[in-house]
Amino acid sequence: MASTAAVPFWRSAGMTYITYSNICANLVRNCLKEPFKSEAIGREKVHFSVSKWVDGKPQKPTIRSDTPEV
């Protein structure tokens, strides 16, 4: 029996919630006036580290800096 519950529009458009929220955040940042716009765009940069695991032990982590793609 199929459910008749409402589906969020972002899900029916084939997006994940994270993708939807990233698009919304990007739109809000682009609507800001200077100097707030350049400050907000500067904060969207993401920093994280990636470690390979070999024989149950972490190897030296690699530090990455990426900006989200929208």
C-alpha atoms as a PDB file:
ATOM      1  CA  MET A   1       0.000   0.000   0.000  1.00  0.00           C
ATOM      2  CA  ALA A   2       1.495   3.321  -1.064  1.00  0.00           C
ATOM      3  CA  SER A   3       1.711   6.181   1.383  1.00  0.00           C
ATOM      4  CA  THR A   4      -0.216   9.341   0.591  1.00  0.00           C
ATOM      5  CA  ALA A   5       1.913  11.496   2.917  1.00  0.00           C
ATOM      6  CA  ALA A   6       3.191  14.770   1.563  1.00  0.00           C
ATOM      7  CA  VAL A   7       6.739  14.710   0.217  1.00  0.00           C
ATOM      8  CA  PRO A   8       8.961  17.781   0.723  1.00  0.00           C
ATOM      9  CA  PHE A   9       9.451  19.651  -2.544  1.00  0.00           C
ATOM     10  CA  TRP A  10      13.255  19.331  -2.346  1.00  0.00           C
ATOM     11  CA  ARG A  11      12.888  15.544  -2.164  1.00  0.00           C
ATOM     12  CA  SER A  12      10.447  15.451  -5.084  1.00  0.00           C
ATOM     13  CA  ALA A  13      12.940  17.553  -7.071  1.00  0.00           C
ATOM     14  CA  GLY A  14      15.548  14.823  -6.531  1.00  0.00           C
ATOM     15  CA  MET A  15      17.699  16.765  -4.042  1.00  0.00           C
ATOM     16  CA  THR A  16      18.962  15.901  -0.610  1.00  0.00           C
ATOM     17  CA  TYR A  17      18.248  18.268   2.260  1.00  0.00           C
ATOM     18  CA  ILE A  18      21.931  19.216   2.409  1.00  0.00           C
ATOM     19  CA  THR A  19      21.902  20.237  -1.269  1.00  0.00           C
ATOM     20  CA  TYR A  20      18.704  22.228  -0.739  1.00  0.00           C
ATOM     21  CA  SER A  21      20.087  24.005   2.336  1.00  0.00           C
ATOM     22  CA  ASN A  22      23.357  24.815   0.521  1.00  0.00           C
ATOM     23  CA  ILE A  23      21.402  26.410  -2.343  1.00  0.00           C
ATOM     24  CA  CYS A  24      19.340  28.458   0.125  1.00  0.00           C
ATOM     25  CA  ALA A  25      22.430  29.583   2.042  1.00  0.00           C
ATOM     26  CA  ASN A  26      24.150  30.611  -1.192  1.00  0.00           C
ATOM     27  CA  LEU A  27      21.125  32.675  -2.233  1.00  0.00           C
ATOM     28  CA  VAL A  28      21.017  34.443   1.136  1.00  0.00           C
ATOM     29  CA  ARG A  29      24.765  35.216   1.005  1.00  0.00           C
ATOM     30  CA  ASN A  30      24.406  36.650  -2.505  1.00  0.00           C
ATOM     31  CA  CYS A  31      21.531  38.918  -1.391  1.00  0.00           C
ATOM     32  CA  LEU A  32      23.581  40.613   1.335  1.00  0.00           C
ATOM     33  CA  LYS A  33      25.032  44.089   0.835  1.00  0.00           C
ATOM     34  CA  GLU A  34      28.719  44.880   1.262  1.00  0.00           C
ATOM     35  CA  PRO A  35      30.658  44.536   3.579  1.00  0.00           C
ATOM     36  CA  PHE A  36      28.452  41.732   4.959  1.00  0.00           C
ATOM     37  CA  LYS A  37      28.408  39.863   1.648  1.00  0.00           C
ATOM     38  CA  SER A  38      32.201  39.480   1.376  1.00  0.00           C
ATOM     39  CA  GLU A  39      32.416  38.461   5.069  1.00  0.00           C
ATOM     40  CA  ALA A  40      29.741  35.780   4.623  1.00  0.00           C
ATOM     41  CA  ILE A  41      31.303  34.434   1.421  1.00  0.00           C
ATOM     42  CA  GLY A  42      34.663  34.244   3.206  1.00  0.00           C
ATOM     43  CA  ARG A  43      33.096  32.111   5.956  1.00  0.00           C
ATOM     44  CA  GLU A  44      31.682  29.530   3.549  1.00  0.00           C
ATOM     45  CA  LYS A  45      35.090  27.904   3.060  1.00  0.00           C
ATOM     46  CA  VAL A  46      35.245  24.419   4.600  1.00  0.00           C
ATOM     47  CA  HIS A  47      38.315  22.842   6.196  1.00  0.00           C
ATOM     48  CA  PHE A  48      38.584  19.124   6.978  1.00  0.00           C
ATOM     49  CA  SER A  49      41.125  16.337   7.239  1.00  0.00           C
ATOM     50  CA  VAL A  50      41.110  12.908   5.613  1.00  0.00           C
ATOM     51  CA  SER A  51      42.982   9.948   7.093  1.00  0.00           C
ATOM     52  CA  LYS A  52      43.554   6.558   5.472  1.00  0.00           C
ATOM     53  CA  TRP A  53      43.347   3.583   7.793  1.00  0.00           C
ATOM     54  CA  VAL A  54      45.736   0.628   7.351  1.00  0.00           C
ATOM     55  CA  ASP A  55      45.600  -2.411   9.624  1.00  0.00           C
ATOM     56  CA  GLY A  56      43.302  -0.593  12.050  1.00  0.00           C
ATOM     57  CA  LYS A  57      45.619   2.405  12.490  1.00  0.00           C
ATOM     58  CA  PRO A  58      45.190   5.895  11.011  1.00  0.00           C
ATOM     59  CA  GLN A  59      47.876   7.162   8.663  1.00  0.00           C
ATOM     60  CA  LYS A  60      49.012  10.791   8.448  1.00  0.00           C
ATOM     61  CA  PRO A  61      45.947  12.994   7.808  1.00  0.00           C
ATOM     62  CA  THR A  62      45.651  15.177   4.715  1.00  0.00           C
ATOM     63  CA  ILE A  63      44.252  18.654   5.388  1.00  0.00           C
ATOM     64  CA  ARG A  64      41.787  19.830   2.735  1.00  0.00           C
ATOM     65  CA  SER A  65      40.111  23.174   2.106  1.00  0.00           C
ATOM     66  CA  ASP A  66      37.146  23.191  -0.202  1.00  0.00           C
ATOM     67  CA  THR A  67      34.328  25.576  -0.947  1.00  0.00           C
ATOM     68  CA  PRO A  68      30.878  24.007  -1.277  1.00  0.00           C
ATOM     69  CA  GLU A  69      29.599  23.624  -4.827  1.00  0.00           C
ATOM     70  CA  VAL A  70      26.078  24.761  -5.545  1.00  0.00           C
END
